[in-house]
Amino acid sequence: MSAVSTQTSGQPNATAATTTANGNGTAQTIKSHAPATGELVGEAPVMSKEQVAQVVARARKAQRAWGVLPIEERCDRLLRFRDAIVDRAEEIVQLLSKETGKPRHEALLHEVLPIADTLTYYCKNAPRILADRELELHLFKHKKSYLHYAPRGVIGVISPWNFPFTIPMGDVAAALVTGSAVVVKPSEVTPLIMLKAKEIFDATGLPEDLLGVVTGYGPTGQALIESGIQKVVFTGGVETGRRVAAACGAALIPCVMELGGKAPLIACADCDLEHTARSIVLGGFANSGQVCVSVERVYAHESVYEPLVRRVKQLLGELKQGDPAKSFVDIGAIIFPKQMEVAEKHIEDAVSKGAELVCGGKRVTGPGDFFEPTLLANCNHDMTVMREEIFGPVVGVQKVASEEEAIRLANDSHLGLNAYVFTKDRAKGKRMAEQIEAGSVVVNDVLINHTITEAPFGGIKQSGFGRVHGEDALREMAEVRHINYDRFALPPGNPVGFPYTEKSYGLMMKGLRALFSGRGIVQRIGELF
C-alpha cells in the first residue's frame, strides 16, 4: 500500500470510482460514478510521478511572478475568482450533488457559500494580517525587530471526499492570498469537482499554473509530497494521516493534519429539548453523517434522556431520503460505499451488547448507495459506536447521571476534534466547554465552527495538529522571517565579541547580576517603557 491515500475514514483503500486499465493492468483513468444512481459522471486521469512533478514545476514558475505582486493586487485579482464561483454556483452545486450524492442545499450551504465567504474575508483582511509585525524588545533597546511574512513557494493540499470543494478550496484561498502557488490532490472518490474548480480558476484570467490539480490514488499523493513542495495540508483518516506525516517528515516539510473526529454532544438537564433534538438530527445526519465534526455520540442527562430519544426518533421519521437530482431531499447517498460496512459493524456490536435500535439500521434497497438514518439508545463505552469513528448516519445515545459524568465520557476518546454542549445556562455552557478535550467546542449549535473563517479549526490528540482558518493559520501558511536592525548607529566593534579575556568575562558576570538580581536593570527598564 502506498504511504499516502486520501480516504477520510481511515479505512482500507477502496473507492466508489472504478478504473480503466492498459494491457498491463495499470490504472490509467478514474471513472467517477454518482453514488445515488451508479451512473457515470466523468473521468479523471491517474497521474504519474513525472506528471505530478511537471505540474509542481509549472506552479513554481507561476508563483515567482505572483509572489512579488503587492498583496492588495493579489487580493483584487482573487476576488474575480470569488465572483466567478458565485456566478457559476448552480453549475458547481449540480456537479457536487451528483458526484457526492449530497442534497443540493448542503452542496450550496456547506460547500460553495463558505468558499465565497472565505475568499472575501481573506482578501479584505490579509493585507492587515500579513503586514510586517513589529516586536517590542524588552532588553535590546538599541535594536528593532519585526516579522515579515513571505510566500513559501508551492503548497500541497491532499483533500478528502466528504467535502471535496470547500475543504481544499479554503486551503487554496489561504495559499494564494499569501503569495504561494498551490497544487491539490483530490480524493480518488470525488476527483471531478476540483477539476471544475480549476476550469473556473483558469477562466478568470489568473495565471493558470498557479493552481494545479493532480488526480490519482495514493502514489499520486506520495509523488506530490516528494515533488519539492514547501508545505502540506492534509485532511483524512488517522491511519492515513500517520503515513502522510511520516512522508512529510522524511521530506522535512511542515504539514497540517486534520484527521478524524468522534464529536460528543452533552445534553444537560436544563437544555432546550426541542432545539437539542433538532441539533442532534442536523449534526448527526447532515451529509449522511459523513462529516468529521458530526455528532456521533450523545450523553443525555437522565432527566431528559427518554423525551430526547423520543423526539429525535420522531424528527428522523420526518426526513426525506433519496436521489437529490430528482427532488429536494434531506438525506442523500453514501459517498464512499465502504462506510456502509463500517456502520453495519458498529450497529451489530452495539445491539449485541444491549443497545436498543430505535430506528434505521440497514441499507436502503434499490439503486444507489443509501443507508437509513440510525439511532441507538442505551449505549455505553463498551460499544464501539461510542468510541470509534463511524463516518456514517449513526448516532448513539448514553444516559448520564451528571454533567461531570458527561464531561468524563466526552473526554474518554483518542480523538479530539469537535464537541457540543447544550444548556440554557450560557455561563455553565462556557465552563463545561473549557473542560472538554477538543479543538473546538460549540455551545447550543452544531457544525457551524468550520465556517467561521476567523476561528482556527483543527484537533488535538489523534485528531491531528496544526490549524486552518483564523489569522494565525493564515500567517503559518506563509514563511515567517525575523528582521533585526539597529535603531541608531553604534561604535564599530562588538563589546561582547572576540577576543574573550578574563577582564571581559568579569564584566559580563557583573552585567548579569546588575541586570537580573532583584529589581535589576531589566525590570526597571520594563517599568519605564
Protein backbone atom coordinates (compact mmCIF):
# COMPACT_ATOMS: atom_id res chain seq x y z
CA MET A 1 0.00 0.00 0.00
CA SER A 2 1.25 3.48 -0.80
CA ALA A 3 2.25 5.73 2.03
CA VAL A 4 -0.44 8.19 1.02
CA SER A 5 -4.14 7.71 0.47
CA THR A 6 -6.94 10.20 0.83
CA GLN A 7 -9.64 8.05 2.41
CA THR A 8 -11.16 10.22 5.11
CA SER A 9 -12.44 7.36 7.18
CA GLY A 10 -9.05 5.79 7.65
CA GLN A 11 -10.46 2.51 6.35
CA PRO A 12 -8.52 0.28 3.90
CA ASN A 13 -8.21 1.69 0.40
CA ALA A 14 -11.35 1.37 -1.67
CA THR A 15 -13.30 3.77 -3.82
CA ALA A 16 -16.67 4.38 -5.37
CA ALA A 17 -14.78 5.12 -8.58
CA THR A 18 -13.67 2.45 -11.00
CA THR A 19 -10.65 2.46 -13.27
CA THR A 20 -9.82 1.62 -16.81
CA ALA A 21 -6.50 -0.09 -17.43
CA ASN A 22 -3.93 -0.67 -20.09
CA GLY A 23 -2.76 -4.08 -21.23
CA ASN A 24 -0.53 -4.43 -18.17
CA GLY A 25 -3.41 -3.86 -15.78
CA THR A 26 -2.14 -0.43 -14.68
CA ALA A 27 -4.93 2.04 -13.95
CA GLN A 28 -4.96 4.98 -16.38
CA THR A 29 -8.20 6.76 -15.57
CA ILE A 30 -10.62 7.06 -12.68
CA LYS A 31 -14.27 6.73 -13.57
CA SER A 32 -16.42 8.64 -11.10
CA HIS A 33 -19.95 7.28 -10.61
CA ALA A 34 -22.88 9.00 -8.92
CA PRO A 35 -23.50 7.37 -5.50
CA ALA A 36 -27.24 7.99 -5.79
CA THR A 37 -27.70 6.22 -9.13
CA GLY A 38 -24.49 4.49 -10.15
CA GLU A 39 -24.37 6.42 -13.42
CA LEU A 40 -21.04 7.57 -14.83
CA VAL A 41 -20.40 11.24 -14.01
CA GLY A 42 -17.00 11.62 -15.63
CA GLU A 43 -13.38 10.53 -15.74
CA ALA A 44 -10.07 11.81 -14.40
CA PRO A 45 -6.53 10.70 -15.25
CA VAL A 46 -4.32 8.71 -12.91
CA MET A 47 -1.23 10.91 -12.96
CA SER A 48 2.29 9.54 -12.75
CA LYS A 49 5.11 10.80 -10.57
CA GLU A 50 6.60 12.55 -13.59
CA GLN A 51 3.33 14.27 -14.41
CA VAL A 52 2.97 15.47 -10.82
CA ALA A 53 6.50 16.87 -10.94
CA GLN A 54 5.64 18.77 -14.10
CA VAL A 55 2.54 20.33 -12.52
CA VAL A 56 4.57 21.41 -9.48
CA ALA A 57 7.34 22.83 -11.69
CA ARG A 58 4.82 24.93 -13.62
CA ALA A 59 3.25 26.09 -10.37
CA ARG A 60 6.65 27.12 -9.04
CA LYS A 61 7.33 29.17 -12.16
CA ALA A 62 3.96 30.91 -11.93
CA GLN A 63 4.49 31.59 -8.22
CA ARG A 64 7.62 33.63 -8.80
CA ALA A 65 5.65 36.33 -10.59
CA TRP A 66 2.61 36.00 -8.32
CA GLY A 67 4.60 36.23 -5.09
CA VAL A 68 6.19 39.60 -5.91
CA LEU A 69 2.85 41.30 -6.54
CA PRO A 70 1.62 43.62 -3.76
CA ILE A 71 -0.77 41.71 -1.56
CA GLU A 72 -3.53 44.20 -2.33
CA GLU A 73 -3.23 43.38 -6.04
CA ARG A 74 -3.31 39.64 -5.34
CA CYS A 75 -6.48 40.11 -3.31
CA ASP A 76 -8.16 42.22 -6.01
CA ARG A 77 -7.46 39.53 -8.59
CA LEU A 78 -8.63 36.72 -6.32
CA LEU A 79 -11.94 38.49 -5.83
CA ARG A 80 -12.52 37.90 -9.54
CA PHE A 81 -12.24 34.19 -8.78
CA ARG A 82 -14.76 34.63 -5.96
CA ASP A 83 -17.14 36.36 -8.36
CA ALA A 84 -16.74 33.54 -10.89
CA ILE A 85 -17.60 30.95 -8.23
CA VAL A 86 -20.74 32.89 -7.32
CA ASP A 87 -21.73 33.32 -10.98
CA ARG A 88 -21.32 29.59 -11.64
CA ALA A 89 -22.67 28.43 -8.28
CA GLU A 90 -25.54 26.44 -9.80
CA GLU A 91 -23.11 24.57 -12.04
CA ILE A 92 -20.86 23.75 -9.08
CA VAL A 93 -23.81 22.67 -6.92
CA GLN A 94 -25.14 20.35 -9.60
CA LEU A 95 -21.79 18.60 -10.05
CA LEU A 96 -21.18 18.40 -6.30
CA SER A 97 -24.61 16.91 -5.70
CA LYS A 98 -24.19 14.38 -8.50
CA GLU A 99 -20.63 13.32 -7.63
CA THR A 100 -21.23 13.04 -3.87
CA GLY A 101 -24.94 12.27 -3.68
CA LYS A 102 -25.50 15.06 -1.15
CA PRO A 103 -28.61 17.28 -1.19
CA ARG A 104 -28.35 20.46 -3.23
CA HIS A 105 -28.98 22.57 -0.12
CA GLU A 106 -25.88 21.09 1.50
CA ALA A 107 -23.79 21.47 -1.64
CA LEU A 108 -24.69 25.16 -1.67
CA LEU A 109 -24.65 25.99 2.04
CA HIS A 110 -21.83 23.71 3.21
CA GLU A 111 -19.51 23.90 0.20
CA VAL A 112 -19.98 26.86 -2.14
CA LEU A 113 -21.14 29.62 0.20
CA PRO A 114 -18.28 29.11 2.73
CA ILE A 115 -15.67 29.47 -0.02
CA ALA A 116 -17.22 32.68 -1.30
CA ASP A 117 -17.07 33.95 2.27
CA THR A 118 -13.53 32.68 2.87
CA LEU A 119 -12.18 34.39 -0.24
CA THR A 120 -13.99 37.59 0.74
CA TYR A 121 -12.66 37.52 4.31
CA TYR A 122 -9.08 36.74 3.32
CA CYS A 123 -8.99 39.34 0.54
CA LYS A 124 -10.38 42.00 2.87
CA ASN A 125 -8.18 41.18 5.84
CA ALA A 126 -4.98 39.61 4.51
CA PRO A 127 -3.20 42.97 3.97
CA ARG A 128 -3.61 43.61 7.70
CA ILE A 129 -2.98 40.05 8.89
CA LEU A 130 0.15 39.58 6.77
CA ALA A 131 1.58 43.06 7.33
CA ASP A 132 5.01 43.28 8.93
CA ARG A 133 4.67 42.93 12.72
CA GLU A 134 6.99 44.93 14.94
CA LEU A 135 8.28 43.17 18.04
CA GLU A 136 8.70 45.06 21.29
CA LEU A 137 12.14 44.12 22.63
CA HIS A 138 12.41 44.06 26.40
CA LEU A 139 16.21 44.01 26.62
CA PHE A 140 17.99 45.16 23.50
CA LYS A 141 16.54 48.65 23.38
CA HIS A 142 19.16 49.77 20.84
CA LYS A 143 17.73 47.25 18.37
CA LYS A 144 14.45 46.88 16.49
CA SER A 145 12.86 43.68 15.19
CA TYR A 146 9.91 42.84 13.01
CA LEU A 147 8.36 39.76 11.45
CA HIS A 148 7.97 39.61 7.69
CA TYR A 149 5.59 37.12 6.04
CA ALA A 150 6.95 35.82 2.74
CA PRO A 151 5.38 33.33 0.31
CA ARG A 152 6.51 29.74 0.92
CA GLY A 153 6.54 28.69 -2.72
CA VAL A 154 4.23 25.78 -3.62
CA ILE A 155 1.69 24.40 -1.13
CA GLY A 156 0.37 20.86 -1.49
CA VAL A 157 -3.21 20.09 -0.46
CA ILE A 158 -4.38 16.48 -0.10
CA SER A 159 -8.13 16.57 0.34
CA PRO A 160 -11.00 14.18 1.24
CA TRP A 161 -14.17 13.03 -0.45
CA ASN A 162 -16.80 14.17 2.03
CA PHE A 163 -16.42 17.91 1.29
CA PRO A 164 -14.42 17.85 -1.94
CA PHE A 165 -14.90 21.54 -2.72
CA THR A 166 -14.98 23.57 0.48
CA ILE A 167 -12.13 21.80 2.31
CA PRO A 168 -9.44 22.05 -0.38
CA MET A 169 -10.64 25.42 -1.67
CA GLY A 170 -10.26 27.00 1.78
CA ASP A 171 -6.59 26.00 1.72
CA VAL A 172 -6.28 27.15 -1.89
CA ALA A 173 -7.56 30.59 -0.90
CA ALA A 174 -5.13 30.86 2.01
CA ALA A 175 -2.15 29.76 -0.07
CA LEU A 176 -2.88 32.12 -2.96
CA VAL A 177 -3.50 35.12 -0.72
CA THR A 178 -0.12 34.66 0.95
CA GLY A 179 1.60 34.66 -2.45
CA SER A 180 2.21 30.94 -2.86
CA ALA A 181 1.06 28.62 -5.62
CA VAL A 182 -0.97 25.55 -4.72
CA VAL A 183 -1.38 22.02 -6.08
CA VAL A 184 -4.38 19.96 -4.94
CA LYS A 185 -4.59 16.18 -4.92
CA PRO A 186 -8.33 15.44 -4.56
CA SER A 187 -9.67 12.13 -3.33
CA GLU A 188 -9.92 9.45 -5.97
CA VAL A 189 -13.54 9.03 -4.90
CA THR A 190 -14.54 12.58 -5.92
CA PRO A 191 -11.95 13.96 -8.36
CA LEU A 192 -14.23 15.87 -10.72
CA ILE A 193 -15.21 18.87 -8.62
CA MET A 194 -11.62 20.09 -8.22
CA LEU A 195 -11.16 19.81 -11.98
CA LYS A 196 -14.22 22.04 -12.30
CA ALA A 197 -12.69 24.50 -9.80
CA LYS A 198 -9.51 24.52 -11.89
CA GLU A 199 -11.55 25.22 -15.05
CA ILE A 200 -13.27 28.18 -13.37
CA PHE A 201 -9.98 29.50 -11.99
CA ASP A 202 -8.32 29.42 -15.40
CA ALA A 203 -11.28 31.24 -17.00
CA THR A 204 -10.84 34.26 -14.68
CA GLY A 205 -7.56 35.30 -16.27
CA LEU A 206 -5.44 34.38 -13.26
CA PRO A 207 -2.15 32.57 -14.06
CA GLU A 208 -3.47 29.10 -14.86
CA ASP A 209 -0.46 27.22 -13.48
CA LEU A 210 -0.84 28.99 -10.13
CA LEU A 211 -3.48 26.40 -9.20
CA GLY A 212 -2.68 22.83 -10.16
CA VAL A 213 -4.75 19.68 -9.73
CA VAL A 214 -3.21 16.21 -9.75
CA THR A 215 -5.57 13.24 -9.78
CA GLY A 216 -4.95 9.62 -8.92
CA TYR A 217 -4.56 7.28 -5.98
CA GLY A 218 -2.12 7.05 -3.08
CA PRO A 219 1.04 7.10 -5.23
CA THR A 220 -0.06 10.42 -6.71
CA GLY A 221 -0.29 11.94 -3.25
CA GLN A 222 3.09 10.47 -2.36
CA ALA A 223 4.57 11.97 -5.53
CA LEU A 224 3.17 15.38 -4.57
CA ILE A 225 4.86 15.25 -1.16
CA GLU A 226 8.15 14.22 -2.76
CA SER A 227 7.98 16.83 -5.54
CA GLY A 228 9.79 19.58 -3.65
CA ILE A 229 6.77 21.48 -2.32
CA GLN A 230 7.10 23.66 0.76
CA LYS A 231 4.11 22.61 2.90
CA VAL A 232 1.30 20.04 3.00
CA VAL A 233 -2.25 20.43 4.30
CA PHE A 234 -3.87 17.02 4.70
CA THR A 235 -7.45 16.16 5.63
CA GLY A 236 -8.26 12.49 6.08
CA GLY A 237 -8.28 9.50 8.38
CA VAL A 238 -5.97 8.92 11.33
CA GLU A 239 -4.03 5.99 9.90
CA THR A 240 -3.52 7.67 6.55
CA GLY A 241 -2.54 10.83 8.40
CA ARG A 242 0.25 8.96 10.16
CA ARG A 243 1.68 7.94 6.80
CA VAL A 244 1.34 11.41 5.34
CA ALA A 245 3.00 12.99 8.38
CA ALA A 246 5.84 10.48 8.16
CA ALA A 247 6.33 11.25 4.46
CA CYS A 248 6.38 14.99 5.23
CA GLY A 249 8.91 14.35 7.99
CA ALA A 250 11.13 12.45 5.59
CA ALA A 251 10.93 15.37 3.15
CA LEU A 252 11.47 17.88 6.02
CA ILE A 253 8.42 19.96 5.12
CA PRO A 254 5.83 21.29 7.58
CA CYS A 255 2.32 19.89 7.49
CA VAL A 256 -1.14 20.41 8.92
CA MET A 257 -3.05 17.26 9.85
CA GLU A 258 -6.84 17.49 10.12
CA LEU A 259 -7.84 13.93 10.93
CA GLY A 260 -10.78 12.01 12.37
CA GLY A 261 -13.40 13.06 14.86
CA LYS A 262 -15.80 11.49 17.35
CA ALA A 263 -17.76 14.54 18.40
CA PRO A 264 -19.73 14.20 21.64
CA LEU A 265 -22.89 16.18 22.37
CA ILE A 266 -23.77 16.78 26.01
CA ALA A 267 -27.47 17.38 26.65
CA CYS A 268 -27.70 18.97 30.09
CA ALA A 269 -30.74 18.69 32.36
CA ASP A 270 -31.67 22.27 31.55
CA CYS A 271 -31.24 22.05 27.78
CA ASP A 272 -33.96 23.24 25.40
CA LEU A 273 -35.31 19.82 24.46
CA GLU A 274 -36.68 20.72 21.04
CA HIS A 275 -33.60 22.69 19.99
CA THR A 276 -31.30 19.94 21.24
CA ALA A 277 -33.22 17.21 19.40
CA ARG A 278 -33.20 19.14 16.15
CA SER A 279 -29.50 19.85 16.56
CA ILE A 280 -28.74 16.15 17.07
CA VAL A 281 -30.60 15.34 13.85
CA LEU A 282 -28.80 18.05 11.86
CA GLY A 283 -25.43 17.47 13.49
CA GLY A 284 -25.61 13.69 13.20
CA PHE A 285 -27.19 13.22 9.79
CA ALA A 286 -26.23 16.15 7.56
CA ASN A 287 -24.23 14.80 4.62
CA SER A 288 -25.42 11.36 5.75
CA GLY A 289 -23.17 11.65 8.80
CA GLN A 290 -20.06 11.87 6.63
CA VAL A 291 -18.65 14.88 8.45
CA CYS A 292 -15.54 14.95 10.62
CA VAL A 293 -17.44 17.07 13.16
CA SER A 294 -20.67 15.02 13.03
CA VAL A 295 -22.49 14.37 16.28
CA GLU A 296 -21.61 10.69 16.71
CA ARG A 297 -22.32 10.20 20.42
CA VAL A 298 -24.81 11.87 22.76
CA TYR A 299 -24.58 12.00 26.55
CA ALA A 300 -28.03 12.94 27.80
CA HIS A 301 -28.81 13.73 31.43
CA GLU A 302 -31.18 11.15 32.89
CA SER A 303 -33.90 13.78 33.36
CA VAL A 304 -34.09 14.50 29.62
CA TYR A 305 -32.87 11.19 28.20
CA GLU A 306 -36.19 9.50 27.35
CA PRO A 307 -38.04 12.52 25.90
CA LEU A 308 -34.94 13.45 23.90
CA VAL A 309 -34.65 9.99 22.35
CA ARG A 310 -38.37 10.01 21.52
CA ARG A 311 -38.19 13.42 19.86
CA VAL A 312 -35.08 12.58 17.82
CA LYS A 313 -36.83 9.43 16.60
CA GLN A 314 -39.86 11.48 15.53
CA LEU A 315 -37.71 14.01 13.69
CA LEU A 316 -35.77 11.29 11.89
CA GLY A 317 -39.06 9.83 10.70
CA GLU A 318 -39.87 13.14 9.00
CA LEU A 319 -36.69 13.26 6.89
CA LYS A 320 -36.84 12.59 3.17
CA GLN A 321 -34.08 10.43 1.70
CA GLY A 322 -33.33 9.84 -1.95
CA ASP A 323 -31.66 10.97 -5.14
CA PRO A 324 -31.05 14.74 -4.84
CA ALA A 325 -31.20 15.11 -8.61
CA LYS A 326 -34.87 14.07 -8.69
CA SER A 327 -36.25 16.15 -5.82
CA PHE A 328 -35.29 18.18 -2.80
CA VAL A 329 -34.30 15.66 -0.14
CA ASP A 330 -32.86 15.92 3.37
CA ILE A 331 -30.61 12.85 3.33
CA GLY A 332 -28.63 11.86 0.29
CA ALA A 333 -26.43 8.94 -0.61
CA ILE A 334 -23.33 7.43 0.97
CA ILE A 335 -20.35 8.83 -0.94
CA PHE A 336 -17.93 6.02 -0.12
CA PRO A 337 -19.70 2.61 -0.05
CA LYS A 338 -17.19 1.13 2.41
CA GLN A 339 -18.76 3.32 5.10
CA MET A 340 -21.95 1.24 4.99
CA GLU A 341 -19.95 -1.81 6.07
CA VAL A 342 -18.42 0.25 8.87
CA ALA A 343 -21.86 1.40 10.03
CA GLU A 344 -23.22 -2.16 9.98
CA LYS A 345 -20.36 -3.44 12.15
CA HIS A 346 -20.89 -0.70 14.74
CA ILE A 347 -24.64 -1.32 14.86
CA GLU A 348 -24.18 -5.08 15.19
CA ASP A 349 -21.67 -4.63 18.00
CA ALA A 350 -23.93 -2.18 19.88
CA VAL A 351 -27.07 -4.32 19.63
CA SER A 352 -25.18 -7.45 20.69
CA LYS A 353 -24.11 -5.61 23.85
CA GLY A 354 -27.56 -4.37 24.80
CA ALA A 355 -28.18 -1.21 22.78
CA GLU A 356 -31.69 -0.50 21.54
CA LEU A 357 -32.08 0.03 17.81
CA VAL A 358 -34.57 2.90 17.91
CA CYS A 359 -34.78 3.37 14.15
CA GLY A 360 -32.88 2.68 10.96
CA GLY A 361 -30.02 0.23 10.98
CA LYS A 362 -29.79 -1.05 7.43
CA ARG A 363 -29.09 -0.23 3.81
CA VAL A 364 -31.89 1.09 1.63
CA THR A 365 -32.82 -1.34 -1.13
CA GLY A 366 -32.85 -0.10 -4.71
CA PRO A 367 -30.41 1.72 -6.94
CA GLY A 368 -27.65 3.79 -5.40
CA ASP A 369 -25.83 3.64 -2.08
CA PHE A 370 -28.16 4.71 0.74
CA PHE A 371 -28.20 3.88 4.45
CA GLU A 372 -31.08 4.57 6.81
CA PRO A 373 -30.54 7.27 9.46
CA THR A 374 -29.90 5.18 12.56
CA LEU A 375 -30.46 5.97 16.23
CA LEU A 376 -29.19 3.70 19.01
CA ALA A 377 -30.25 4.11 22.65
CA ASN A 378 -28.98 2.53 25.91
CA CYS A 379 -25.40 2.77 24.68
CA ASN A 380 -22.25 2.63 26.78
CA HIS A 381 -18.50 2.80 26.33
CA ASP A 382 -18.17 -0.96 25.92
CA MET A 383 -19.64 -0.42 22.46
CA THR A 384 -17.55 0.70 19.50
CA VAL A 385 -20.33 3.04 18.44
CA MET A 386 -19.35 5.32 21.36
CA ARG A 387 -15.59 5.02 20.92
CA GLU A 388 -14.61 4.66 17.27
CA GLU A 389 -15.29 6.98 14.36
CA ILE A 390 -18.24 5.85 12.25
CA PHE A 391 -18.39 8.46 9.49
CA GLY A 392 -21.93 7.49 8.58
CA PRO A 393 -25.57 8.16 9.57
CA VAL A 394 -25.41 6.52 13.01
CA VAL A 395 -25.79 8.24 16.40
CA GLY A 396 -25.54 6.50 19.78
CA VAL A 397 -27.14 7.89 22.96
CA GLN A 398 -25.99 7.18 26.52
CA LYS A 399 -27.76 8.17 29.73
CA VAL A 400 -25.67 10.01 32.35
CA ALA A 401 -26.39 10.98 35.93
CA SER A 402 -24.47 14.26 35.99
CA GLU A 403 -22.68 16.83 33.90
CA GLU A 404 -19.40 15.69 35.42
CA GLU A 405 -20.00 12.16 34.15
CA ALA A 406 -20.84 13.52 30.71
CA ILE A 407 -17.60 15.51 30.54
CA ARG A 408 -15.57 12.50 31.69
CA LEU A 409 -17.12 10.31 29.00
CA ALA A 410 -16.73 13.01 26.35
CA ASN A 411 -13.01 13.11 27.14
CA ASP A 412 -12.69 9.32 27.12
CA SER A 413 -11.58 9.23 23.49
CA HIS A 414 -8.39 9.13 21.45
CA LEU A 415 -9.92 11.80 19.21
CA GLY A 416 -10.49 15.45 19.97
CA LEU A 417 -11.73 17.49 17.03
CA ASN A 418 -15.16 18.88 17.95
CA ALA A 419 -17.68 18.76 20.78
CA TYR A 420 -21.06 20.26 21.64
CA VAL A 421 -22.79 21.36 24.86
CA PHE A 422 -26.49 22.16 25.15
CA THR A 423 -27.76 24.11 28.15
CA LYS A 424 -29.88 27.20 28.79
CA ASP A 425 -27.22 28.50 31.18
CA ARG A 426 -24.70 30.30 28.98
CA ALA A 427 -22.08 30.69 31.71
CA LYS A 428 -22.32 26.99 32.59
CA GLY A 429 -22.06 26.05 28.94
CA LYS A 430 -18.82 28.01 28.61
CA ARG A 431 -17.42 26.46 31.79
CA MET A 432 -18.23 22.96 30.56
CA ALA A 433 -16.82 23.69 27.11
CA GLU A 434 -13.48 24.69 28.61
CA GLN A 435 -13.23 21.28 30.32
CA ILE A 436 -13.77 19.25 27.14
CA GLU A 437 -10.71 18.00 25.29
CA ALA A 438 -11.37 19.12 21.73
CA GLY A 439 -10.01 21.63 19.27
CA SER A 440 -13.41 23.33 19.08
CA VAL A 441 -16.42 23.23 21.39
CA VAL A 442 -19.72 24.79 20.31
CA VAL A 443 -22.43 25.70 22.81
CA ASN A 444 -26.06 25.31 21.68
CA ASP A 445 -25.30 24.80 17.98
CA VAL A 446 -23.71 22.23 15.68
CA LEU A 447 -21.38 22.11 12.67
CA ILE A 448 -21.06 25.89 12.43
CA ASN A 449 -17.48 26.38 13.57
CA HIS A 450 -15.78 25.18 10.39
CA THR A 451 -17.46 28.04 8.52
CA ILE A 452 -16.27 30.71 10.98
CA THR A 453 -13.26 31.87 8.99
CA GLU A 454 -11.90 33.99 11.82
CA ALA A 455 -11.64 30.99 14.14
CA PRO A 456 -8.86 28.39 13.95
CA PHE A 457 -10.04 24.89 13.08
CA GLY A 458 -8.22 21.68 13.94
CA GLY A 459 -7.92 18.94 16.51
CA ILE A 460 -5.93 17.62 19.43
CA LYS A 461 -4.99 14.08 20.43
CA GLN A 462 -5.12 11.81 17.36
CA SER A 463 -7.39 14.25 15.54
CA GLY A 464 -4.25 15.90 14.29
CA PHE A 465 -2.22 19.06 14.71
CA GLY A 466 -1.96 22.48 13.15
CA ARG A 467 -4.87 24.69 12.21
CA VAL A 468 -6.67 26.03 9.18
CA HIS A 469 -8.67 29.28 9.20
CA GLY A 470 -8.05 32.18 11.55
CA GLU A 471 -5.33 34.80 11.49
CA ASP A 472 -2.59 32.59 12.92
CA ALA A 473 -3.25 29.83 10.38
CA LEU A 474 -3.06 32.35 7.55
CA ARG A 475 0.29 33.60 8.85
CA GLU A 476 1.50 29.99 9.17
CA MET A 477 0.63 29.42 5.53
CA ALA A 478 3.35 31.99 4.82
CA GLU A 479 7.02 31.78 5.76
CA VAL A 480 7.81 33.98 8.75
CA ARG A 481 11.13 35.79 8.72
CA HIS A 482 12.61 37.77 11.59
CA ILE A 483 14.37 41.02 10.61
CA ASN A 484 16.57 42.80 13.16
CA TYR A 485 18.39 46.12 12.77
CA ASP A 486 19.96 48.97 14.80
CA ARG A 487 17.78 51.83 15.97
CA PHE A 488 20.76 54.16 15.78
CA ALA A 489 24.39 53.98 14.73
CA LEU A 490 26.77 52.25 17.18
CA PRO A 491 30.57 52.47 17.54
CA PRO A 492 32.42 49.88 15.45
CA GLY A 493 33.16 46.51 17.03
CA ASN A 494 31.21 44.26 19.38
CA PRO A 495 31.73 44.69 23.14
CA VAL A 496 30.67 41.08 23.85
CA GLY A 497 32.59 39.51 20.95
CA PHE A 498 36.17 38.42 20.38
CA PRO A 499 38.69 38.47 21.93
CA TYR A 500 37.47 36.65 25.07
CA THR A 501 39.54 37.69 28.12
CA GLU A 502 39.41 37.33 31.87
CA LYS A 503 38.52 41.00 32.14
CA SER A 504 35.63 40.78 29.66
CA TYR A 505 34.33 37.65 31.42
CA GLY A 506 34.30 39.50 34.74
CA LEU A 507 32.45 42.41 33.19
CA MET A 508 29.86 40.05 31.73
CA MET A 509 29.31 38.42 35.15
CA LYS A 510 28.80 41.82 36.77
CA GLY A 511 26.41 42.70 33.97
CA LEU A 512 24.37 39.53 34.56
CA ARG A 513 23.89 40.38 38.22
CA ALA A 514 23.15 44.03 37.57
CA LEU A 515 20.54 43.16 35.01
CA PHE A 516 18.66 40.36 36.72
CA SER A 517 19.26 40.34 40.50
CA GLY A 518 16.21 41.57 42.45
CA ARG A 519 14.77 44.67 40.83
CA GLY A 520 17.58 44.71 38.30
CA ILE A 521 18.02 46.97 35.34
CA VAL A 522 15.80 44.82 33.09
CA GLN A 523 12.82 45.14 35.42
CA ARG A 524 13.39 48.87 35.88
CA ILE A 525 13.68 49.38 32.11
CA GLY A 526 10.43 47.47 31.67
CA GLU A 527 8.74 49.78 34.19
CA LEU A 528 9.99 52.82 32.29
CA PHE A 529 8.88 51.63 28.88
